[in-house]
Structures are given as C-alpha cells and as structure tokens.
Amino acid sequence: MKKRFWKIEYSITIFVIFGIILLLIPSKFIASKEATYISQWNETIHKMEYIFSAMNAQADSDIVKSFKHAKSNAARENLMMNLVKPYLRITEFDELDKKYSSYYLNGEKVKQGDEFYFNNLYLSKNNKIIGIKDIKDDDIYHPAFIMMFDMNGLNGPNTWGKDVFGINIFVDGKINPIGAGWDIEDLKKDCSTTGTGVSCSHYYRIGGEFSE
C-alpha cells in the first residue's frame, strides 16, 4: 500500500513540475525574442549614427536648399528617404504594399493621424520595416523627422517597445533615439504596459530594465 501511495505522489509531483515548465516556456520564449529585438535595435541605431555622420559629411548646399524649398511634408519625407535609401539598400520597389498595423505598448492601435503613424513604409532586404515622417521644425532643439524600424518586418507583435523602435532626426543632421532627453521617471512610465512604449527606444539604450 505504501509503495502504491509513493507512486501516486511521485506521479503527481512529475505532473506538477511538467505543468510549471509548460507555463514558463511561453513567457521565457517571448522574453528571449524581445531581448533579441532590443539587441538588433542597438545594432540598428549604431548603423544609423554612422549613416547620418556620412550623410552630413557629404551634404552640399543644394541638398540644404531642396529641404528649405520643399512645399509639403510629403516632399520633405521623399527627400529624406531618397538620401537614406542607398545606405539602407532600399528602392522605390521596396515600398510596402501589404497591410501593416502597429500598436503601442499598452495595446492601443496606432491610428492614422497619430504622431507615430507612418503613411509610407519600406521593407528592407534584411526584413525590417522602415518609415520616415516629417514633423518639420526649424528649431535645432526639436526633431524635424522621426524614423521607425520594425525589427522583424510584417511578423508580430509590431509593437513599440517590443519590436518597433525609432529615432529623432534634427535639422543639423544629428539623431538620437526617441525618448532621449526625457526625465527618467517619464521613461519608466512610458516604457511599460501602461505607456506608449515609444521611449523604450532610448530607455533600453541607457540600460533600462527589460520588463516582460
């Protein structure tokens, strides 16, 4: 009888352990994927810093004039995209023609008209979705453009702070990750499940704690 009870208790223990493992695997897998996206984001922004450094070194007066004389947001976006296309190895044929929706970290959908909604997107050769948006401001202290990168293209979750990150581009050609200059408490609040997640672009760059 004792032997029989021992076998039952042993079986129950095995099932409990197995159940815990099944519960843990999805969250660990998700955390691992998002950590990979953050690592890819760090590599991407290093590359963009190099690209804009090279662009600034080669910029001439005609390029500066073309931006100043551009008549619309769309015209300025096209100018900027044409400048970065060769560096990112994308062409007009890479413009995204499939449905793409992105989300904030709090689960809300990024709607048309939102600051972080992009009309024109491109799918790069390394499967990143890239967009540029003009938010023209002649003040050097405020960004003139924002640029977004979805680390794994059309695959989900397409969420800011998980696989979507971005940079600010200034009129003097300098860039920084979205969220740079924010107060640390604002960064923590925004880079959470109650925030938009856009500032995670900077928060994770400065060693902010990754939250599952």
N, C-alpha and C. Protein backbone atom coordinates (compact mmCIF):
# COMPACT_ATOMS: atom_id res chain seq x y z
N MET A 1 0.83 -1.21 0.00
CA MET A 1 0.00 0.00 0.00
C MET A 1 0.86 1.26 0.00
N LYS A 2 1.91 1.25 0.85
CA LYS A 2 2.80 2.40 0.93
C LYS A 2 3.47 2.65 -0.42
N LYS A 3 3.85 1.51 -1.06
CA LYS A 3 4.53 1.62 -2.35
C LYS A 3 3.59 2.26 -3.38
N ARG A 4 2.30 1.89 -3.30
CA ARG A 4 1.33 2.42 -4.24
C ARG A 4 1.15 3.93 -4.03
N PHE A 5 1.02 4.36 -2.78
CA PHE A 5 0.90 5.78 -2.48
C PHE A 5 2.14 6.55 -2.93
N TRP A 6 3.30 5.93 -2.76
CA TRP A 6 4.55 6.58 -3.17
C TRP A 6 4.54 6.83 -4.68
N LYS A 7 4.04 5.86 -5.44
CA LYS A 7 3.98 6.00 -6.90
C LYS A 7 3.01 7.12 -7.29
N ILE A 8 1.88 7.21 -6.58
CA ILE A 8 0.89 8.25 -6.86
C ILE A 8 1.48 9.63 -6.58
N GLU A 9 2.12 9.76 -5.40
CA GLU A 9 2.72 11.04 -5.04
C GLU A 9 3.83 11.43 -6.03
N TYR A 10 4.59 10.43 -6.44
CA TYR A 10 5.67 10.66 -7.39
C TYR A 10 5.10 11.15 -8.74
N SER A 11 4.02 10.50 -9.17
CA SER A 11 3.38 10.87 -10.45
C SER A 11 2.82 12.29 -10.39
N ILE A 12 2.18 12.61 -9.26
CA ILE A 12 1.62 13.96 -9.09
C ILE A 12 2.73 15.01 -9.14
N THR A 13 3.83 14.70 -8.47
CA THR A 13 4.97 15.64 -8.48
C THR A 13 5.48 15.87 -9.89
N ILE A 14 5.60 14.79 -10.67
CA ILE A 14 6.07 14.89 -12.05
C ILE A 14 5.12 15.76 -12.88
N PHE A 15 3.81 15.55 -12.71
CA PHE A 15 2.82 16.32 -13.47
C PHE A 15 2.87 17.80 -13.10
N VAL A 16 3.05 18.08 -11.81
CA VAL A 16 3.13 19.48 -11.34
C VAL A 16 4.34 20.17 -11.96
N ILE A 17 5.50 19.48 -11.91
CA ILE A 17 6.73 20.05 -12.48
C ILE A 17 6.55 20.28 -13.98
N PHE A 18 5.97 19.31 -14.65
CA PHE A 18 5.75 19.41 -16.10
C PHE A 18 4.82 20.59 -16.41
N GLY A 19 3.77 20.77 -15.60
CA GLY A 19 2.84 21.88 -15.79
C GLY A 19 3.52 23.22 -15.61
N ILE A 20 4.38 23.32 -14.61
CA ILE A 20 5.11 24.57 -14.38
C ILE A 20 6.02 24.89 -15.56
N ILE A 21 6.68 23.87 -16.08
CA ILE A 21 7.57 24.05 -17.24
C ILE A 21 6.78 24.57 -18.43
N LEU A 22 5.59 24.00 -18.66
CA LEU A 22 4.75 24.43 -19.79
C LEU A 22 4.31 25.88 -19.62
N LEU A 23 4.07 26.29 -18.37
CA LEU A 23 3.66 27.67 -18.12
C LEU A 23 4.82 28.64 -18.33
N LEU A 24 6.03 28.20 -17.98
CA LEU A 24 7.19 29.07 -18.07
C LEU A 24 7.71 29.23 -19.49
N ILE A 25 7.62 28.19 -20.29
CA ILE A 25 8.22 28.22 -21.63
C ILE A 25 7.72 29.39 -22.47
N PRO A 26 6.39 29.64 -22.59
CA PRO A 26 5.96 30.76 -23.44
C PRO A 26 6.52 32.10 -23.01
N SER A 27 6.48 32.43 -21.71
CA SER A 27 6.96 33.72 -21.25
C SER A 27 8.47 33.86 -21.45
N LYS A 28 9.20 32.77 -21.21
CA LYS A 28 10.65 32.82 -21.41
C LYS A 28 10.98 32.97 -22.89
N PHE A 29 10.19 32.29 -23.73
CA PHE A 29 10.40 32.37 -25.17
C PHE A 29 10.14 33.77 -25.68
N ILE A 30 9.04 34.37 -25.21
CA ILE A 30 8.70 35.74 -25.60
C ILE A 30 9.76 36.71 -25.14
N ALA A 31 10.20 36.57 -23.88
CA ALA A 31 11.23 37.46 -23.34
C ALA A 31 12.51 37.35 -24.14
N SER A 32 12.85 36.12 -24.53
CA SER A 32 14.07 35.91 -25.32
C SER A 32 13.96 36.59 -26.67
N LYS A 33 12.80 36.49 -27.32
CA LYS A 33 12.60 37.12 -28.62
C LYS A 33 12.72 38.64 -28.51
N GLU A 34 12.08 39.21 -27.49
CA GLU A 34 12.10 40.66 -27.35
C GLU A 34 13.48 41.16 -26.97
N ALA A 35 14.23 40.37 -26.21
CA ALA A 35 15.61 40.72 -25.91
C ALA A 35 16.44 40.73 -27.20
N THR A 36 16.12 39.81 -28.11
CA THR A 36 16.81 39.78 -29.41
C THR A 36 16.49 41.02 -30.21
N TYR A 37 15.23 41.47 -30.19
CA TYR A 37 14.84 42.68 -30.91
C TYR A 37 15.58 43.90 -30.35
N ILE A 38 15.73 43.94 -29.03
CA ILE A 38 16.44 45.06 -28.41
C ILE A 38 17.90 45.06 -28.84
N SER A 39 18.49 43.89 -28.90
CA SER A 39 19.87 43.77 -29.37
C SER A 39 19.99 44.23 -30.83
N GLN A 40 19.02 43.84 -31.65
CA GLN A 40 19.01 44.27 -33.05
C GLN A 40 18.81 45.77 -33.16
N TRP A 41 18.01 46.33 -32.26
CA TRP A 41 17.80 47.78 -32.25
C TRP A 41 19.10 48.51 -31.94
N ASN A 42 19.85 48.01 -30.98
CA ASN A 42 21.14 48.63 -30.65
C ASN A 42 22.08 48.63 -31.86
N GLU A 43 22.08 47.53 -32.59
CA GLU A 43 22.90 47.44 -33.81
C GLU A 43 22.39 48.42 -34.87
N THR A 44 21.07 48.54 -34.98
CA THR A 44 20.47 49.42 -35.99
C THR A 44 20.81 50.88 -35.72
N ILE A 45 20.71 51.31 -34.46
CA ILE A 45 20.97 52.72 -34.19
C ILE A 45 22.45 53.05 -34.35
N HIS A 46 23.33 52.10 -34.06
CA HIS A 46 24.76 52.31 -34.33
C HIS A 46 24.97 52.54 -35.83
N LYS A 47 24.28 51.75 -36.62
CA LYS A 47 24.38 51.87 -38.08
C LYS A 47 23.84 53.22 -38.54
N MET A 48 22.69 53.65 -37.97
CA MET A 48 22.10 54.93 -38.36
C MET A 48 22.99 56.10 -37.96
N GLU A 49 23.66 56.00 -36.83
CA GLU A 49 24.59 57.05 -36.43
C GLU A 49 25.71 57.18 -37.45
N TYR A 50 26.20 56.05 -37.93
CA TYR A 50 27.24 56.06 -38.96
C TYR A 50 26.70 56.65 -40.26
N ILE A 51 25.49 56.23 -40.66
CA ILE A 51 24.89 56.70 -41.91
C ILE A 51 24.72 58.22 -41.90
N PHE A 52 24.16 58.76 -40.82
CA PHE A 52 23.93 60.19 -40.78
C PHE A 52 25.23 60.97 -40.65
N SER A 53 26.22 60.38 -40.03
CA SER A 53 27.55 61.01 -39.99
C SER A 53 28.11 61.11 -41.40
N ALA A 54 27.96 60.03 -42.19
CA ALA A 54 28.43 60.03 -43.57
C ALA A 54 27.62 61.00 -44.42
N MET A 55 26.31 61.05 -44.22
CA MET A 55 25.46 61.96 -44.98
C MET A 55 25.81 63.41 -44.70
N ASN A 56 26.06 63.73 -43.44
CA ASN A 56 26.42 65.10 -43.07
C ASN A 56 27.73 65.52 -43.71
N ALA A 57 28.68 64.57 -43.79
CA ALA A 57 29.98 64.88 -44.38
C ALA A 57 29.86 65.15 -45.88
N GLN A 58 28.85 64.55 -46.52
CA GLN A 58 28.70 64.69 -47.97
C GLN A 58 27.63 65.71 -48.37
N ALA A 59 26.93 66.24 -47.39
CA ALA A 59 25.85 67.18 -47.69
C ALA A 59 26.40 68.44 -48.37
N ASP A 60 25.67 68.92 -49.37
CA ASP A 60 26.08 70.16 -50.03
C ASP A 60 24.95 71.18 -49.96
N SER A 61 25.21 72.36 -50.47
CA SER A 61 24.24 73.45 -50.36
C SER A 61 22.95 73.16 -51.12
N ASP A 62 23.05 72.39 -52.21
CA ASP A 62 21.86 72.07 -52.99
C ASP A 62 20.88 71.21 -52.19
N ILE A 63 21.44 70.27 -51.41
CA ILE A 63 20.58 69.43 -50.58
C ILE A 63 19.87 70.27 -49.52
N VAL A 64 20.61 71.16 -48.88
CA VAL A 64 20.04 72.04 -47.86
C VAL A 64 18.93 72.90 -48.47
N LYS A 65 19.18 73.45 -49.66
CA LYS A 65 18.19 74.29 -50.33
C LYS A 65 16.94 73.50 -50.68
N SER A 66 17.12 72.26 -51.12
CA SER A 66 15.97 71.45 -51.52
C SER A 66 15.04 71.20 -50.35
N PHE A 67 15.59 71.02 -49.15
CA PHE A 67 14.75 70.84 -47.97
C PHE A 67 14.02 72.13 -47.62
N LYS A 68 14.72 73.25 -47.72
CA LYS A 68 14.11 74.53 -47.38
C LYS A 68 12.99 74.91 -48.34
N HIS A 69 13.13 74.51 -49.60
CA HIS A 69 12.15 74.89 -50.62
C HIS A 69 11.04 73.85 -50.80
N ALA A 70 11.14 72.75 -50.09
CA ALA A 70 10.09 71.71 -50.20
C ALA A 70 8.75 72.29 -49.77
N LYS A 71 7.71 72.00 -50.53
CA LYS A 71 6.40 72.62 -50.32
C LYS A 71 5.50 71.89 -49.32
N SER A 72 5.84 70.63 -49.01
CA SER A 72 4.93 69.86 -48.16
C SER A 72 5.71 68.85 -47.31
N ASN A 73 4.99 68.30 -46.33
CA ASN A 73 5.58 67.25 -45.50
C ASN A 73 5.99 66.06 -46.35
N ALA A 74 5.12 65.68 -47.29
CA ALA A 74 5.39 64.53 -48.15
C ALA A 74 6.64 64.76 -48.99
N ALA A 75 6.83 65.99 -49.47
CA ALA A 75 8.01 66.31 -50.29
C ALA A 75 9.28 66.19 -49.46
N ARG A 76 9.23 66.67 -48.22
CA ARG A 76 10.41 66.57 -47.35
C ARG A 76 10.69 65.11 -46.97
N GLU A 77 9.63 64.34 -46.74
CA GLU A 77 9.80 62.92 -46.44
C GLU A 77 10.48 62.20 -47.60
N ASN A 78 10.05 62.51 -48.82
CA ASN A 78 10.65 61.88 -50.00
C ASN A 78 12.12 62.26 -50.14
N LEU A 79 12.44 63.52 -49.86
CA LEU A 79 13.83 63.95 -49.94
C LEU A 79 14.69 63.19 -48.94
N MET A 80 14.21 63.08 -47.71
CA MET A 80 14.98 62.38 -46.69
C MET A 80 15.10 60.90 -47.01
N MET A 81 14.00 60.29 -47.45
CA MET A 81 14.04 58.87 -47.79
C MET A 81 15.00 58.62 -48.95
N ASN A 82 15.02 59.51 -49.93
CA ASN A 82 15.94 59.35 -51.06
C ASN A 82 17.39 59.46 -50.63
N LEU A 83 17.64 60.23 -49.59
CA LEU A 83 19.00 60.35 -49.08
C LEU A 83 19.47 59.07 -48.38
N VAL A 84 18.57 58.45 -47.62
CA VAL A 84 18.98 57.28 -46.83
C VAL A 84 18.84 55.96 -47.59
N LYS A 85 18.05 55.96 -48.66
CA LYS A 85 17.82 54.72 -49.41
C LYS A 85 19.10 53.99 -49.80
N PRO A 86 20.08 54.68 -50.40
CA PRO A 86 21.29 53.95 -50.81
C PRO A 86 22.02 53.29 -49.64
N TYR A 87 21.99 53.94 -48.49
CA TYR A 87 22.67 53.40 -47.31
C TYR A 87 21.93 52.19 -46.74
N LEU A 88 20.60 52.24 -46.84
CA LEU A 88 19.78 51.16 -46.31
C LEU A 88 19.49 50.08 -47.36
N ARG A 89 19.96 50.33 -48.58
CA ARG A 89 19.79 49.39 -49.69
C ARG A 89 18.31 49.10 -49.96
N ILE A 90 17.54 50.17 -50.02
CA ILE A 90 16.14 50.03 -50.41
C ILE A 90 15.87 50.94 -51.61
N THR A 91 14.88 50.58 -52.39
CA THR A 91 14.50 51.36 -53.56
C THR A 91 13.00 51.60 -53.52
N GLU A 92 12.50 52.33 -54.53
CA GLU A 92 11.06 52.58 -54.59
C GLU A 92 10.27 51.29 -54.78
N PHE A 93 10.95 50.25 -55.27
CA PHE A 93 10.28 48.96 -55.46
C PHE A 93 10.08 48.21 -54.13
N ASP A 94 10.73 48.70 -53.08
CA ASP A 94 10.60 48.05 -51.78
C ASP A 94 9.50 48.68 -50.92
N GLU A 95 8.77 49.64 -51.50
CA GLU A 95 7.69 50.27 -50.74
C GLU A 95 6.66 49.20 -50.36
N LEU A 96 6.26 49.22 -49.11
CA LEU A 96 5.36 48.18 -48.59
C LEU A 96 3.98 48.31 -49.20
N ASP A 97 3.49 47.23 -49.79
CA ASP A 97 2.16 47.24 -50.40
C ASP A 97 1.21 46.29 -49.69
N LYS A 98 1.64 45.82 -48.52
CA LYS A 98 0.78 44.93 -47.73
C LYS A 98 0.27 45.68 -46.51
N LYS A 99 -0.85 45.20 -45.98
CA LYS A 99 -1.43 45.85 -44.80
C LYS A 99 -0.50 45.70 -43.60
N TYR A 100 -0.27 46.81 -42.91
CA TYR A 100 0.59 46.80 -41.73
C TYR A 100 -0.04 47.69 -40.67
N SER A 101 -0.21 47.13 -39.48
CA SER A 101 -0.72 47.90 -38.35
C SER A 101 0.27 47.79 -37.20
N SER A 102 0.49 48.90 -36.52
CA SER A 102 1.38 48.87 -35.36
C SER A 102 0.60 49.26 -34.11
N TYR A 103 1.19 48.96 -32.96
CA TYR A 103 0.50 49.16 -31.69
C TYR A 103 1.42 49.80 -30.67
N TYR A 104 0.82 50.47 -29.71
CA TYR A 104 1.56 50.98 -28.56
C TYR A 104 1.72 49.86 -27.54
N LEU A 105 2.61 50.07 -26.60
CA LEU A 105 2.91 49.03 -25.61
C LEU A 105 1.71 48.73 -24.72
N ASN A 106 0.82 49.70 -24.58
CA ASN A 106 -0.39 49.48 -23.76
C ASN A 106 -1.48 48.74 -24.53
N GLY A 107 -1.19 48.32 -25.76
CA GLY A 107 -2.13 47.54 -26.55
C GLY A 107 -2.99 48.34 -27.51
N GLU A 108 -2.96 49.67 -27.40
CA GLU A 108 -3.77 50.50 -28.29
C GLU A 108 -3.15 50.55 -29.68
N LYS A 109 -4.01 50.55 -30.68
CA LYS A 109 -3.55 50.60 -32.07
C LYS A 109 -3.08 52.01 -32.42
N VAL A 110 -1.99 52.11 -33.18
CA VAL A 110 -1.52 53.40 -33.67
C VAL A 110 -2.45 53.81 -34.81
N LYS A 111 -3.17 54.91 -34.61
CA LYS A 111 -4.18 55.32 -35.57
C LYS A 111 -3.64 56.37 -36.55
N GLN A 112 -4.25 56.41 -37.72
CA GLN A 112 -3.89 57.43 -38.70
C GLN A 112 -4.13 58.81 -38.08
N GLY A 113 -3.15 59.66 -38.21
CA GLY A 113 -3.23 60.97 -37.58
C GLY A 113 -2.41 61.06 -36.31
N ASP A 114 -2.06 59.91 -35.72
CA ASP A 114 -1.18 59.90 -34.55
C ASP A 114 0.22 60.34 -34.96
N GLU A 115 0.95 60.87 -34.00
CA GLU A 115 2.33 61.30 -34.27
C GLU A 115 3.19 60.16 -34.78
N PHE A 116 2.91 58.94 -34.33
CA PHE A 116 3.75 57.80 -34.69
C PHE A 116 3.10 56.89 -35.72
N TYR A 117 2.20 57.48 -36.51
CA TYR A 117 1.63 56.77 -37.66
C TYR A 117 2.42 57.18 -38.90
N PHE A 118 2.85 56.20 -39.69
CA PHE A 118 3.65 56.47 -40.88
C PHE A 118 2.86 56.06 -42.13
N ASN A 119 2.75 57.01 -43.07
CA ASN A 119 1.99 56.74 -44.29
C ASN A 119 2.75 55.83 -45.25
N ASN A 120 4.03 56.07 -45.42
CA ASN A 120 4.83 55.32 -46.39
C ASN A 120 5.88 54.48 -45.67
N LEU A 121 5.85 53.20 -45.95
CA LEU A 121 6.77 52.27 -45.30
C LEU A 121 7.51 51.45 -46.35
N TYR A 122 8.70 51.00 -45.98
CA TYR A 122 9.53 50.21 -46.89
C TYR A 122 9.98 48.94 -46.19
N LEU A 123 10.07 47.86 -46.96
CA LEU A 123 10.55 46.58 -46.43
C LEU A 123 11.97 46.37 -46.95
N SER A 124 12.94 46.41 -46.04
CA SER A 124 14.34 46.31 -46.44
C SER A 124 14.72 44.87 -46.74
N LYS A 125 15.90 44.72 -47.32
CA LYS A 125 16.39 43.39 -47.70
C LYS A 125 16.60 42.48 -46.48
N ASN A 126 16.88 43.09 -45.32
CA ASN A 126 17.06 42.28 -44.11
C ASN A 126 15.77 42.18 -43.29
N ASN A 127 14.62 42.38 -43.98
CA ASN A 127 13.29 42.14 -43.40
C ASN A 127 12.93 43.11 -42.28
N LYS A 128 13.42 44.35 -42.35
CA LYS A 128 12.99 45.40 -41.42
C LYS A 128 12.02 46.32 -42.15
N ILE A 129 10.98 46.74 -41.44
CA ILE A 129 10.08 47.76 -41.99
C ILE A 129 10.59 49.12 -41.53
N ILE A 130 10.72 50.03 -42.49
CA ILE A 130 11.32 51.33 -42.22
C ILE A 130 10.38 52.43 -42.69
N GLY A 131 10.21 53.46 -41.88
CA GLY A 131 9.38 54.60 -42.25
C GLY A 131 10.00 55.91 -41.80
N ILE A 132 9.73 56.97 -42.56
CA ILE A 132 10.19 58.31 -42.19
C ILE A 132 8.98 59.24 -42.19
N LYS A 133 8.92 60.10 -41.18
CA LYS A 133 7.81 61.05 -41.10
C LYS A 133 8.35 62.45 -40.82
N ASP A 134 7.89 63.41 -41.60
CA ASP A 134 8.30 64.80 -41.41
C ASP A 134 7.45 65.44 -40.32
N ILE A 135 8.10 66.02 -39.35
CA ILE A 135 7.41 66.81 -38.32
C ILE A 135 8.11 68.16 -38.26
N LYS A 136 8.21 68.80 -39.43
CA LYS A 136 9.07 69.95 -39.66
C LYS A 136 9.10 70.93 -38.50
N ASP A 137 10.32 71.23 -38.07
CA ASP A 137 10.55 72.22 -37.03
C ASP A 137 11.93 72.79 -37.28
N ASP A 138 12.00 74.08 -37.54
CA ASP A 138 13.28 74.72 -37.86
C ASP A 138 14.14 74.94 -36.62
N ASP A 139 13.58 74.71 -35.44
CA ASP A 139 14.32 74.83 -34.19
C ASP A 139 15.25 73.63 -34.06
N ILE A 140 16.55 73.89 -33.89
CA ILE A 140 17.53 72.79 -33.82
C ILE A 140 17.34 71.94 -32.57
N TYR A 141 16.54 72.41 -31.62
CA TYR A 141 16.34 71.67 -30.38
C TYR A 141 15.17 70.68 -30.47
N HIS A 142 14.45 70.71 -31.57
CA HIS A 142 13.34 69.80 -31.76
C HIS A 142 13.54 69.02 -33.06
N PRO A 143 13.10 67.77 -33.10
CA PRO A 143 13.33 66.96 -34.31
C PRO A 143 12.55 67.47 -35.51
N ALA A 144 13.16 67.30 -36.69
CA ALA A 144 12.50 67.65 -37.94
C ALA A 144 11.82 66.43 -38.55
N PHE A 145 12.36 65.25 -38.24
CA PHE A 145 11.80 63.99 -38.72
C PHE A 145 11.84 62.95 -37.60
N ILE A 146 10.97 61.97 -37.71
CA ILE A 146 11.12 60.76 -36.91
C ILE A 146 11.21 59.58 -37.87
N MET A 147 11.91 58.56 -37.46
CA MET A 147 12.12 57.39 -38.31
C MET A 147 11.86 56.15 -37.48
N MET A 148 11.12 55.21 -38.03
CA MET A 148 10.79 53.99 -37.28
C MET A 148 11.38 52.76 -37.95
N PHE A 149 11.63 51.75 -37.11
CA PHE A 149 12.18 50.48 -37.58
C PHE A 149 11.44 49.35 -36.88
N ASP A 150 10.82 48.48 -37.65
CA ASP A 150 10.24 47.26 -37.10
C ASP A 150 11.26 46.15 -37.33
N MET A 151 11.79 45.62 -36.25
CA MET A 151 12.93 44.71 -36.31
C MET A 151 12.65 43.41 -37.07
N ASN A 152 11.40 42.96 -37.09
CA ASN A 152 11.11 41.69 -37.76
C ASN A 152 10.01 41.82 -38.82
N GLY A 153 9.94 43.00 -39.40
CA GLY A 153 9.06 43.22 -40.54
C GLY A 153 7.58 43.00 -40.24
N LEU A 154 6.92 42.29 -41.13
CA LEU A 154 5.48 42.08 -41.02
C LEU A 154 5.09 41.14 -39.89
N ASN A 155 6.03 40.37 -39.39
CA ASN A 155 5.74 39.46 -38.28
C ASN A 155 5.43 40.25 -37.01
N GLY A 156 4.53 39.72 -36.19
CA GLY A 156 4.14 40.39 -34.95
C GLY A 156 5.28 40.44 -33.95
N PRO A 157 5.10 41.21 -32.88
CA PRO A 157 3.84 41.86 -32.48
C PRO A 157 3.63 43.26 -33.06
N ASN A 158 4.63 43.81 -33.81
CA ASN A 158 4.51 45.14 -34.40
C ASN A 158 4.15 46.19 -33.34
N THR A 159 4.87 46.15 -32.25
CA THR A 159 4.54 46.97 -31.08
C THR A 159 5.74 47.81 -30.65
N TRP A 160 5.48 49.11 -30.43
CA TRP A 160 6.52 50.00 -29.95
C TRP A 160 7.04 49.51 -28.59
N GLY A 161 8.36 49.43 -28.49
CA GLY A 161 8.97 48.97 -27.25
C GLY A 161 9.20 47.48 -27.20
N LYS A 162 8.65 46.74 -28.18
CA LYS A 162 8.88 45.30 -28.27
C LYS A 162 9.73 44.99 -29.51
N ASP A 163 9.14 45.21 -30.70
CA ASP A 163 9.93 45.01 -31.92
C ASP A 163 9.97 46.26 -32.79
N VAL A 164 9.33 47.36 -32.33
CA VAL A 164 9.35 48.63 -33.06
C VAL A 164 10.06 49.69 -32.24
N PHE A 165 10.99 50.39 -32.88
CA PHE A 165 11.77 51.44 -32.22
C PHE A 165 11.96 52.60 -33.19
N GLY A 166 12.48 53.72 -32.70
CA GLY A 166 12.63 54.86 -33.61
C GLY A 166 13.66 55.88 -33.18
N ILE A 167 13.97 56.78 -34.11
CA ILE A 167 14.92 57.85 -33.86
C ILE A 167 14.32 59.20 -34.21
N ASN A 168 14.84 60.25 -33.58
CA ASN A 168 14.57 61.63 -33.96
C ASN A 168 15.69 62.08 -34.88
N ILE A 169 15.34 62.85 -35.91
CA ILE A 169 16.33 63.42 -36.82
C ILE A 169 16.18 64.94 -36.76
N PHE A 170 17.28 65.64 -36.51
CA PHE A 170 17.26 67.08 -36.34
C PHE A 170 17.74 67.80 -37.60
N VAL A 171 17.44 69.10 -37.69
CA VAL A 171 17.77 69.86 -38.90
C VAL A 171 19.27 69.96 -39.13
N ASP A 172 20.06 69.79 -38.08
CA ASP A 172 21.51 69.85 -38.24
C ASP A 172 22.11 68.48 -38.58
N GLY A 173 21.23 67.48 -38.81
CA GLY A 173 21.71 66.15 -39.20
C GLY A 173 22.01 65.22 -38.06
N LYS A 174 21.87 65.70 -36.84
CA LYS A 174 22.11 64.83 -35.69
C LYS A 174 20.88 63.96 -35.44
N ILE A 175 21.10 62.80 -34.81
CA ILE A 175 20.00 61.90 -34.47
C ILE A 175 20.11 61.45 -33.02
N ASN A 176 19.01 61.05 -32.46
CA ASN A 176 19.02 60.37 -31.17
C ASN A 176 17.79 59.49 -31.07
N PRO A 177 17.81 58.47 -30.22
CA PRO A 177 16.65 57.59 -30.08
C PRO A 177 15.47 58.33 -29.46
N ILE A 178 14.27 57.99 -29.89
CA ILE A 178 13.08 58.62 -29.31
C ILE A 178 13.06 58.36 -27.81
N GLY A 179 12.84 59.41 -27.05
CA GLY A 179 12.87 59.31 -25.59
C GLY A 179 14.08 59.99 -24.99
N ALA A 180 15.10 60.27 -25.81
CA ALA A 180 16.29 60.96 -25.30
C ALA A 180 15.89 62.35 -24.81
N GLY A 181 16.36 62.70 -23.63
CA GLY A 181 16.02 63.98 -23.04
C GLY A 181 14.83 63.92 -22.10
N TRP A 182 14.12 62.79 -22.08
CA TRP A 182 13.00 62.63 -21.16
C TRP A 182 13.52 62.41 -19.74
N ASP A 183 12.73 62.82 -18.78
CA ASP A 183 13.02 62.51 -17.38
C ASP A 183 12.94 61.00 -17.17
N ILE A 184 13.80 60.46 -16.33
CA ILE A 184 13.89 59.02 -16.13
C ILE A 184 12.56 58.42 -15.66
N GLU A 185 11.83 59.13 -14.83
CA GLU A 185 10.54 58.61 -14.36
C GLU A 185 9.52 58.57 -15.49
N ASP A 186 9.59 59.56 -16.39
CA ASP A 186 8.69 59.55 -17.55
C ASP A 186 9.04 58.40 -18.47
N LEU A 187 10.34 58.12 -18.60
CA LEU A 187 10.77 56.99 -19.42
C LEU A 187 10.23 55.68 -18.86
N LYS A 188 10.36 55.50 -17.56
CA LYS A 188 9.89 54.27 -16.92
C LYS A 188 8.38 54.10 -17.09
N LYS A 189 7.65 55.20 -16.96
CA LYS A 189 6.20 55.14 -17.07
C LYS A 189 5.78 54.83 -18.50
N ASP A 190 6.44 55.47 -19.48
CA ASP A 190 6.06 55.27 -20.88
C ASP A 190 6.50 53.90 -21.39
N CYS A 191 7.67 53.45 -20.92
CA CYS A 191 8.18 52.15 -21.37
C CYS A 191 7.65 51.05 -20.46
N SER A 192 6.33 50.97 -20.39
CA SER A 192 5.65 49.98 -19.55
C SER A 192 4.33 49.63 -20.22
N THR A 193 3.63 48.66 -19.67
CA THR A 193 2.37 48.21 -20.26
C THR A 193 1.25 49.25 -20.12
N THR A 194 1.52 50.36 -19.43
CA THR A 194 0.53 51.43 -19.33
C THR A 194 0.89 52.61 -20.23
N GLY A 195 2.05 52.53 -20.89
CA GLY A 195 2.51 53.63 -21.71
C GLY A 195 2.50 53.29 -23.19
N THR A 196 3.03 54.22 -24.00
CA THR A 196 3.05 54.01 -25.45
C THR A 196 4.19 53.09 -25.87
N GLY A 197 5.30 53.13 -25.13
CA GLY A 197 6.46 52.32 -25.50
C GLY A 197 7.40 53.00 -26.48
N VAL A 198 7.06 54.19 -26.98
CA VAL A 198 7.92 54.84 -27.97
C VAL A 198 9.27 55.22 -27.37
N SER A 199 9.27 55.57 -26.09
CA SER A 199 10.52 56.00 -25.45
C SER A 199 11.42 54.82 -25.06
N CYS A 200 10.92 53.58 -25.23
CA CYS A 200 11.79 52.42 -24.98
C CYS A 200 13.00 52.47 -25.90
N SER A 201 12.86 53.16 -27.03
CA SER A 201 13.96 53.30 -27.98
C SER A 201 15.19 53.86 -27.30
N HIS A 202 14.97 54.78 -26.36
CA HIS A 202 16.09 55.35 -25.60
C HIS A 202 16.30 54.64 -24.27
N TYR A 203 15.19 54.26 -23.62
CA TYR A 203 15.26 53.68 -22.29
C TYR A 203 16.14 52.43 -22.25
N TYR A 204 15.98 51.54 -23.24
CA TYR A 204 16.80 50.34 -23.27
C TYR A 204 18.25 50.64 -23.65
N ARG A 205 18.45 51.76 -24.34
CA ARG A 205 19.81 52.14 -24.73
C ARG A 205 20.63 52.59 -23.52
N ILE A 206 19.96 53.12 -22.50
CA ILE A 206 20.69 53.60 -21.33
C ILE A 206 20.66 52.58 -20.19
N GLY A 207 20.30 51.36 -20.53
CA GLY A 207 20.33 50.30 -19.53
C GLY A 207 19.05 50.12 -18.76
N GLY A 208 17.96 50.67 -19.28
CA GLY A 208 16.67 50.50 -18.61
C GLY A 208 16.32 49.03 -18.50
N GLU A 209 15.71 48.68 -17.40
CA GLU A 209 15.41 47.26 -17.14
C GLU A 209 14.36 46.75 -18.08
N PHE A 210 14.66 45.61 -18.71
CA PHE A 210 13.70 44.98 -19.62
C PHE A 210 12.57 44.40 -18.80
N SER A 211 11.34 44.75 -19.19
CA SER A 211 10.16 44.26 -18.47
C SER A 211 9.39 43.33 -19.37
N GLU A 212 9.09 42.13 -18.90
CA GLU A 212 8.33 41.15 -19.70
C GLU A 212 6.91 41.65 -19.82
